PDB file of N, CA and C in Angstrom:
ATOM      1  N   MET A   1      -8.006 -12.548 -10.032  1.00  0.00           N
ATOM      2  CA  MET A   1      -7.990 -11.474  -9.298  1.00  0.00           C
ATOM      3  C   MET A   1      -6.885 -10.697  -9.168  1.00  0.00           C
ATOM      4  N   ARG A   2      -6.803  -9.487  -9.424  1.00  0.00           N
ATOM      5  CA  ARG A   2      -5.691  -8.543  -9.114  1.00  0.00           C
ATOM      6  C   ARG A   2      -5.639  -8.064  -8.186  1.00  0.00           C
ATOM      7  N   THR A   3      -4.608  -7.674  -7.472  1.00  0.00           N
ATOM      8  CA  THR A   3      -4.448  -7.002  -5.983  1.00  0.00           C
ATOM      9  C   THR A   3      -3.556  -5.711  -6.500  1.00  0.00           C
ATOM     10  N   ILE A   4      -3.747  -4.428  -6.241  1.00  0.00           N
ATOM     11  CA  ILE A   4      -2.975  -3.533  -6.083  1.00  0.00           C
ATOM     12  C   ILE A   4      -2.416  -3.015  -4.641  1.00  0.00           C
ATOM     13  N   ILE A   5      -1.504  -3.229  -4.681  1.00  0.00           N
ATOM     14  CA  ILE A   5      -0.927  -2.514  -3.199  1.00  0.00           C
ATOM     15  C   ILE A   5       0.114  -1.119  -3.542  1.00  0.00           C
ATOM     16  N   ALA A   6      -0.153  -0.454  -2.200  1.00  0.00           N
ATOM     17  CA  ALA A   6       0.859   0.943  -2.280  1.00  0.00           C
ATOM     18  C   ALA A   6       1.079   1.137  -1.024  1.00  0.00           C
ATOM     19  N   SER A   7       1.976   2.056  -0.834  1.00  0.00           N
ATOM     20  CA  SER A   7       2.191   2.339   0.930  1.00  0.00           C
ATOM     21  C   SER A   7       3.182   3.746   0.694  1.00  0.00           C
ATOM     22  N   ASP A   8       3.276   4.752   1.773  1.00  0.00           N
ATOM     23  CA  ASP A   8       4.115   5.536   1.846  1.00  0.00           C
ATOM     24  C   ASP A   8       5.429   5.066   2.436  1.00  0.00           C
ATOM     25  N   HIS A   9       6.242   5.942   2.720  1.00  0.00           N
ATOM     26  CA  HIS A   9       7.715   5.467   3.165  1.00  0.00           C
ATOM     27  C   HIS A   9       7.473   4.827   4.447  1.00  0.00           C
ATOM     28  N   VAL A  10       6.305   5.302   5.106  1.00  0.00           N
ATOM     29  CA  VAL A  10       6.451   4.585   6.777  1.00  0.00           C
ATOM     30  C   VAL A  10       5.980   3.098   6.545  1.00  0.00           C
ATOM     31  N   GLY A  11       5.036   2.980   5.606  1.00  0.00           N
ATOM     32  CA  GLY A  11       4.416   1.536   5.476  1.00  0.00           C
ATOM     33  C   GLY A  11       5.139   0.570   4.471  1.00  0.00           C
ATOM     34  N   TYR A  12       6.492   1.489   3.925  1.00  0.00           N
ATOM     35  CA  TYR A  12       7.006   0.232   2.911  1.00  0.00           C
ATOM     36  C   TYR A  12       7.648  -0.748   3.432  1.00  0.00           C
ATOM     37  N   PRO A  13       8.109  -1.004   4.276  1.00  0.00           N
ATOM     38  CA  PRO A  13       8.904  -2.094   4.981  1.00  0.00           C
ATOM     39  C   PRO A  13       7.635  -3.303   5.211  1.00  0.00           C
ATOM     40  N   LEU A  14       6.509  -2.729   5.621  1.00  0.00           N
ATOM     41  CA  LEU A  14       5.262  -3.841   5.769  1.00  0.00           C
ATOM     42  C   LEU A  14       5.029  -4.256   4.438  1.00  0.00           C
ATOM     43  N   LYS A  15       4.873  -3.554   3.515  1.00  0.00           N
ATOM     44  CA  LYS A  15       4.885  -3.653   2.278  1.00  0.00           C
ATOM     45  C   LYS A  15       5.481  -4.731   1.476  1.00  0.00           C
ATOM     46  N   LYS A  16       6.536  -4.457   1.872  1.00  0.00           N
ATOM     47  CA  LYS A  16       7.573  -5.329   1.157  1.00  0.00           C
ATOM     48  C   LYS A  16       7.388  -6.984   1.937  1.00  0.00           C
ATOM     49  N   SER A  17       6.898  -7.036   3.015  1.00  0.00           N
ATOM     50  CA  SER A  17       6.603  -8.333   3.566  1.00  0.00           C
ATOM     51  C   SER A  17       5.177  -8.795   2.821  1.00  0.00           C
ATOM     52  N   VAL A  18       4.438  -7.732   3.044  1.00  0.00           N
ATOM     53  CA  VAL A  18       2.692  -8.337   2.325  1.00  0.00           C
ATOM     54  C   VAL A  18       3.375  -8.522   0.608  1.00  0.00           C
ATOM     55  N   LEU A  19       4.011  -7.992  -0.036  1.00  0.00           N
ATOM     56  CA  LEU A  19       4.207  -8.224  -1.113  1.00  0.00           C
ATOM     57  C   LEU A  19       4.903  -9.635  -1.185  1.00  0.00           C
ATOM     58  N   ARG A  20       6.055 -10.124  -0.582  1.00  0.00           N
ATOM     59  CA  ARG A  20       6.691 -11.368  -0.221  1.00  0.00           C
ATOM     60  C   ARG A  20       5.402 -12.536  -0.514  1.00  0.00           C
ATOM     61  N   TYR A  21       4.611 -12.223   0.430  1.00  0.00           N
ATOM     62  CA  TYR A  21       3.377 -13.240   0.845  1.00  0.00           C
ATOM     63  C   TYR A  21       2.702 -13.524  -0.644  1.00  0.00           C
ATOM     64  N   LEU A  22       2.193 -12.090  -0.809  1.00  0.00           N
ATOM     65  CA  LEU A  22       1.219 -12.400  -2.037  1.00  0.00           C
ATOM     66  C   LEU A  22       1.927 -12.965  -3.384  1.00  0.00           C
ATOM     67  N   THR A  23       3.227 -12.916  -3.319  1.00  0.00           N
ATOM     68  CA  THR A  23       3.587 -13.283  -4.699  1.00  0.00           C
ATOM     69  C   THR A  23       3.976 -14.903  -4.137  1.00  0.00           C
ATOM     70  N   SER A  24       4.379 -15.100  -2.835  1.00  0.00           N
ATOM     71  CA  SER A  24       4.364 -16.688  -2.588  1.00  0.00           C
ATOM     72  C   SER A  24       2.850 -17.357  -2.853  1.00  0.00           C
ATOM     73  N   ILE A  25       2.130 -16.924  -2.562  1.00  0.00           N
ATOM     74  CA  ILE A  25       0.845 -17.488  -2.908  1.00  0.00           C
ATOM     75  C   ILE A  25       0.509 -17.535  -4.190  1.00  0.00           C
ATOM     76  N   ARG A  26       1.376 -16.808  -5.215  1.00  0.00           N
ATOM     77  CA  ARG A  26       1.290 -16.689  -6.716  1.00  0.00           C
ATOM     78  C   ARG A  26      -0.152 -15.895  -7.231  1.00  0.00           C
ATOM     79  N   ALA A  27      -0.146 -14.664  -6.219  1.00  0.00           N
ATOM     80  CA  ALA A  27      -1.285 -13.598  -6.340  1.00  0.00           C
ATOM     81  C   ALA A  27      -0.682 -12.696  -7.572  1.00  0.00           C
ATOM     82  N   GLU A  28      -1.507 -12.282  -8.330  1.00  0.00           N
ATOM     83  CA  GLU A  28      -1.358 -11.394  -9.349  1.00  0.00           C
ATOM     84  C   GLU A  28      -1.355  -9.991  -8.683  1.00  0.00           C
ATOM     85  N   VAL A  29      -0.355  -9.425  -8.557  1.00  0.00           N
ATOM     86  CA  VAL A  29      -0.133  -7.832  -7.695  1.00  0.00           C
ATOM     87  C   VAL A  29       0.350  -6.953  -8.622  1.00  0.00           C
ATOM     88  N   ILE A  30      -0.141  -5.961  -8.424  1.00  0.00           N
ATOM     89  CA  ILE A  30       0.260  -4.435  -9.094  1.00  0.00           C
ATOM     90  C   ILE A  30       0.573  -3.415  -8.146  1.00  0.00           C
ATOM     91  N   ASP A  31       1.730  -3.347  -8.197  1.00  0.00           N
ATOM     92  CA  ASP A  31       2.549  -2.417  -7.027  1.00  0.00           C
ATOM     93  C   ASP A  31       2.953  -0.868  -7.548  1.00  0.00           C
ATOM     94  N   VAL A  32       2.115  -0.120  -6.824  1.00  0.00           N
ATOM     95  CA  VAL A  32       2.118   1.240  -7.375  1.00  0.00           C
ATOM     96  C   VAL A  32       2.872   2.329  -6.651  1.00  0.00           C
ATOM     97  N   GLY A  33       3.826   1.685  -5.461  1.00  0.00           N
ATOM     98  CA  GLY A  33       4.810   2.512  -4.952  1.00  0.00           C
ATOM     99  C   GLY A  33       4.683   2.636  -3.420  1.00  0.00           C
ATOM    100  N   THR A  34       5.191   3.153  -2.769  1.00  0.00           N
ATOM    101  CA  THR A  34       6.530   3.864  -2.972  1.00  0.00           C
ATOM    102  C   THR A  34       7.602   2.811  -3.118  1.00  0.00           C
ATOM    103  N   GLY A  35       8.685   3.298  -3.553  1.00  0.00           N
ATOM    104  CA  GLY A  35       9.953   2.263  -3.722  1.00  0.00           C
ATOM    105  C   GLY A  35      11.004   2.403  -2.775  1.00  0.00           C
ATOM    106  N   THR A  36      10.744   2.864  -1.904  1.00  0.00           N
ATOM    107  CA  THR A  36      11.646   3.020  -0.766  1.00  0.00           C
ATOM    108  C   THR A  36      11.306   3.709   0.581  1.00  0.00           C
ATOM    109  N   ALA A  37      11.870   3.589   1.792  1.00  0.00           N
ATOM    110  CA  ALA A  37      11.296   4.084   3.018  1.00  0.00           C
ATOM    111  C   ALA A  37      12.163   5.114   3.222  1.00  0.00           C
ATOM    112  N   ASP A  38      13.249   5.333   2.414  1.00  0.00           N
ATOM    113  CA  ASP A  38      14.433   6.612   2.714  1.00  0.00           C
ATOM    114  C   ASP A  38      13.850   8.205   2.378  1.00  0.00           C
ATOM    115  N   THR A  39      13.001   8.070   1.340  1.00  0.00           N
ATOM    116  CA  THR A  39      12.490   9.526   1.203  1.00  0.00           C
ATOM    117  C   THR A  39      11.005   9.676   1.417  1.00  0.00           C
ATOM    118  N   PRO A  40      10.775  10.560   2.348  1.00  0.00           N
ATOM    119  CA  PRO A  40       9.248  11.128   2.761  1.00  0.00           C
ATOM    120  C   PRO A  40       8.327  11.069   1.178  1.00  0.00           C
ATOM    121  N   VAL A  41       7.427  10.843   1.528  1.00  0.00           N
ATOM    122  CA  VAL A  41       6.072  11.225   0.175  1.00  0.00           C
ATOM    123  C   VAL A  41       5.021  11.240   1.124  1.00  0.00           C
ATOM    124  N   ASP A  42       3.845  11.864   0.062  1.00  0.00           N
ATOM    125  CA  ASP A  42       2.534  12.232   0.515  1.00  0.00           C
ATOM    126  C   ASP A  42       1.808  10.912   0.241  1.00  0.00           C
ATOM    127  N   TYR A  43       1.101  10.558   1.450  1.00  0.00           N
ATOM    128  CA  TYR A  43       0.523   8.931   1.175  1.00  0.00           C
ATOM    129  C   TYR A  43      -0.633   9.344   0.227  1.00  0.00           C
ATOM    130  N   PRO A  44      -1.223  10.763   0.310  1.00  0.00           N
ATOM    131  CA  PRO A  44      -2.517  10.632  -0.739  1.00  0.00           C
ATOM    132  C   PRO A  44      -2.335  10.369  -2.158  1.00  0.00           C
ATOM    133  N   ASP A  45      -1.111  10.863  -2.627  1.00  0.00           N
ATOM    134  CA  ASP A  45      -0.487  10.551  -4.103  1.00  0.00           C
ATOM    135  C   ASP A  45      -0.793   8.875  -4.253  1.00  0.00           C
ATOM    136  N   TYR A  46      -0.448   8.234  -3.306  1.00  0.00           N
ATOM    137  CA  TYR A  46      -0.462   6.524  -3.492  1.00  0.00           C
ATOM    138  C   TYR A  46      -1.868   5.724  -3.328  1.00  0.00           C
ATOM    139  N   ALA A  47      -2.630   6.721  -2.240  1.00  0.00           N
ATOM    140  CA  ALA A  47      -4.058   6.308  -2.118  1.00  0.00           C
ATOM    141  C   ALA A  47      -4.813   6.760  -3.516  1.00  0.00           C
ATOM    142  N   ARG A  48      -4.310   7.684  -4.108  1.00  0.00           N
ATOM    143  CA  ARG A  48      -5.088   8.108  -5.207  1.00  0.00           C
ATOM    144  C   ARG A  48      -4.903   7.122  -6.210  1.00  0.00           C
ATOM    145  N   LYS A  49      -3.623   6.373  -6.357  1.00  0.00           N
ATOM    146  CA  LYS A  49      -3.400   5.341  -7.133  1.00  0.00           C
ATOM    147  C   LYS A  49      -4.273   4.053  -7.177  1.00  0.00           C
ATOM    148  N   VAL A  50      -4.042   3.842  -6.025  1.00  0.00           N
ATOM    149  CA  VAL A  50      -5.121   2.610  -5.428  1.00  0.00           C
ATOM    150  C   VAL A  50      -6.713   2.881  -5.904  1.00  0.00           C
ATOM    151  N   VAL A  51      -7.116   3.909  -5.467  1.00  0.00           N
ATOM    152  CA  VAL A  51      -8.468   4.209  -5.814  1.00  0.00           C
ATOM    153  C   VAL A  51      -8.633   4.211  -7.137  1.00  0.00           C
ATOM    154  N   ASP A  52      -8.082   4.468  -8.159  1.00  0.00           N
ATOM    155  CA  ASP A  52      -8.239   4.972  -9.427  1.00  0.00           C
ATOM    156  C   ASP A  52      -7.898   3.506 -10.011  1.00  0.00           C
ATOM    157  N   ALA A  53      -7.329   2.659  -9.608  1.00  0.00           N
ATOM    158  CA  ALA A  53      -7.454   1.132 -10.042  1.00  0.00           C
ATOM    159  C   ALA A  53      -8.612   0.390  -9.653  1.00  0.00           C
ATOM    160  N   ILE A  54      -8.722   0.568  -8.628  1.00  0.00           N
ATOM    161  CA  ILE A  54     -10.086   0.034  -8.062  1.00  0.00           C
ATOM    162  C   ILE A  54     -11.328   0.248  -8.633  1.00  0.00           C
ATOM    163  N   SER A  55     -11.524   1.598  -9.357  1.00  0.00           N
ATOM    164  CA  SER A  55     -12.460   2.155  -9.955  1.00  0.00           C
ATOM    165  C   SER A  55     -12.254   1.759 -11.126  1.00  0.00           C
ATOM    166  N   SER A  56     -11.287   1.811 -11.713  1.00  0.00           N
ATOM    167  CA  SER A  56     -11.441   1.436 -13.159  1.00  0.00           C
ATOM    168  C   SER A  56     -11.305  -0.179 -13.449  1.00  0.00           C
ATOM    169  N   GLY A  57     -11.667  -0.969 -12.452  1.00  0.00           N
ATOM    170  CA  GLY A  57     -11.440  -2.246 -12.999  1.00  0.00           C
ATOM    171  C   GLY A  57     -10.166  -3.038 -12.989  1.00  0.00           C
ATOM    172  N   GLU A  58      -9.065  -2.019 -13.015  1.00  0.00           N
ATOM    173  CA  GLU A  58      -7.499  -2.720 -13.296  1.00  0.00           C
ATOM    174  C   GLU A  58      -7.091  -3.469 -12.298  1.00  0.00           C
ATOM    175  N   ALA A  59      -7.893  -3.176 -11.164  1.00  0.00           N
ATOM    176  CA  ALA A  59      -7.799  -4.226  -9.659  1.00  0.00           C
ATOM    177  C   ALA A  59      -9.122  -4.554  -8.806  1.00  0.00           C
ATOM    178  N   GLN A  60      -8.854  -5.892  -8.466  1.00  0.00           N
ATOM    179  CA  GLN A  60     -10.531  -5.973  -7.869  1.00  0.00           C
ATOM    180  C   GLN A  60     -10.230  -6.135  -6.180  1.00  0.00           C
ATOM    181  N   ARG A  61      -8.828  -6.064  -5.570  1.00  0.00           N
ATOM    182  CA  ARG A  61      -8.486  -6.164  -4.321  1.00  0.00           C
ATOM    183  C   ARG A  61      -7.621  -4.985  -3.876  1.00  0.00           C
ATOM    184  N   ASP A  62      -7.460  -4.353  -2.667  1.00  0.00           N
ATOM    185  CA  ASP A  62      -6.223  -3.567  -2.957  1.00  0.00           C
ATOM    186  C   ASP A  62      -5.632  -3.472  -0.893  1.00  0.00           C
ATOM    187  N   HIS A  63      -4.449  -3.137  -0.999  1.00  0.00           N
ATOM    188  CA  HIS A  63      -3.773  -2.852   0.293  1.00  0.00           C
ATOM    189  C   HIS A  63      -3.096  -1.937   0.090  1.00  0.00           C
ATOM    190  N   LEU A  64      -3.328  -1.004   1.071  1.00  0.00           N
ATOM    191  CA  LEU A  64      -2.802   0.580   1.423  1.00  0.00           C
ATOM    192  C   LEU A  64      -2.146   0.687   2.595  1.00  0.00           C
ATOM    193  N   LEU A  65      -0.907   0.633   2.585  1.00  0.00           N
ATOM    194  CA  LEU A  65      -0.242   0.921   4.123  1.00  0.00           C
ATOM    195  C   LEU A  65       0.448   2.151   4.232  1.00  0.00           C
ATOM    196  N   LEU A  66      -0.224   2.462   5.073  1.00  0.00           N
ATOM    197  CA  LEU A  66       0.108   4.223   5.460  1.00  0.00           C
ATOM    198  C   LEU A  66       0.420   4.345   6.925  1.00  0.00           C
ATOM    199  N   GLN A  67       0.918   5.669   7.017  1.00  0.00           N
ATOM    200  CA  GLN A  67       1.062   5.931   8.284  1.00  0.00           C
ATOM    201  C   GLN A  67       0.170   7.141   8.727  1.00  0.00           C
ATOM    202  N   LEU A  68      -0.916   6.981   9.186  1.00  0.00           N
ATOM    203  CA  LEU A  68      -1.947   7.781   9.519  1.00  0.00           C
ATOM    204  C   LEU A  68      -1.931   7.878  11.121  1.00  0.00           C
ATOM    205  N   ARG A  69      -1.451   9.097  11.687  1.00  0.00           N
ATOM    206  CA  ARG A  69      -1.677   9.353  13.198  1.00  0.00           C
ATOM    207  C   ARG A  69      -2.717   9.419  14.000  1.00  0.00           C
ATOM    208  N   GLU A  70      -3.655  10.028  13.370  1.00  0.00           N
ATOM    209  CA  GLU A  70      -4.427  10.049  13.934  1.00  0.00           C
ATOM    210  C   GLU A  70      -5.481   8.819  14.232  1.00  0.00           C
ATOM    211  N   ALA A  71      -5.523   7.872  13.358  1.00  0.00           N
ATOM    212  CA  ALA A  71      -5.820   6.370  13.171  1.00  0.00           C
ATOM    213  C   ALA A  71      -5.367   5.555  13.815  1.00  0.00           C
ATOM    214  N   ALA A  72      -4.108   5.879  13.911  1.00  0.00           N
ATOM    215  CA  ALA A  72      -3.102   4.939  14.844  1.00  0.00           C
ATOM    216  C   ALA A  72      -2.749   5.811  16.575  1.00  0.00           C
ATOM    217  N   GLY A  73      -3.552   6.530  16.904  1.00  0.00           N
ATOM    218  CA  GLY A  73      -3.175   7.125  18.051  1.00  0.00           C
ATOM    219  C   GLY A  73      -1.806   7.708  18.293  1.00  0.00           C
ATOM    220  N   GLY A  74      -1.409   8.263  17.202  1.00  0.00           N
ATOM    221  CA  GLY A  74       0.101   9.182  17.361  1.00  0.00           C
ATOM    222  C   GLY A  74       1.151   7.804  17.080  1.00  0.00           C
ATOM    223  N   SER A  75       0.735   7.300  16.794  1.00  0.00           N
ATOM    224  CA  SER A  75       1.849   6.055  16.413  1.00  0.00           C
ATOM    225  C   SER A  75       2.732   6.444  15.595  1.00  0.00           C
ATOM    226  N   HIS A  76       3.795   5.719  15.253  1.00  0.00           N
ATOM    227  CA  HIS A  76       4.583   6.148  13.846  1.00  0.00           C
ATOM    228  C   HIS A  76       4.818   4.543  13.186  1.00  0.00           C
ATOM    229  N   GLU A  77       3.893   3.736  13.693  1.00  0.00           N
ATOM    230  CA  GLU A  77       3.633   2.387  13.004  1.00  0.00           C
ATOM    231  C   GLU A  77       2.534   2.789  11.697  1.00  0.00           C
ATOM    232  N   PRO A  78       3.017   1.754  10.679  1.00  0.00           N
ATOM    233  CA  PRO A  78       2.021   1.889   9.547  1.00  0.00           C
ATOM    234  C   PRO A  78       0.881   1.332   9.904  1.00  0.00           C
ATOM    235  N   THR A  79      -0.368   2.285   9.125  1.00  0.00           N
ATOM    236  CA  THR A  79      -1.590   1.574   9.526  1.00  0.00           C
ATOM    237  C   THR A  79      -2.224   0.902   8.195  1.00  0.00           C
ATOM    238  N   VAL A  80      -2.944  -0.349   8.170  1.00  0.00           N
ATOM    239  CA  VAL A  80      -3.325  -1.305   7.312  1.00  0.00           C
ATOM    240  C   VAL A  80      -4.995  -0.891   6.800  1.00  0.00           C
ATOM    241  N   ILE A  81      -4.872  -0.433   5.617  1.00  0.00           N
ATOM    242  CA  ILE A  81      -6.301  -0.092   5.099  1.00  0.00           C
ATOM    243  C   ILE A  81      -6.825  -1.229   3.700  1.00  0.00           C
ATOM    244  N   GLU A  82      -7.867  -2.004   4.400  1.00  0.00           N
ATOM    245  CA  GLU A  82      -7.823  -2.941   3.316  1.00  0.00           C
ATOM    246  C   GLU A  82      -9.603  -2.730   2.513  1.00  0.00           C
TER     247      GLU A  82
END
């Protein structure tokens, strides 16, 4: 079972931790970005990649780590959507 993972720049540090864990348990992981916390990105671009991979059957599970201020009560912490 393949897992696709993505984040925006705010969720990137958490994504690195999740990736380390998934690879430690030998999960098959597809990382579609972002690759840095240094450059702001638009989270819908990465959410679309995850949705497309699930819809096409390329991956069966997903982890999307984003900053959603509304969902997180105005927090600057990442929000995990599974």
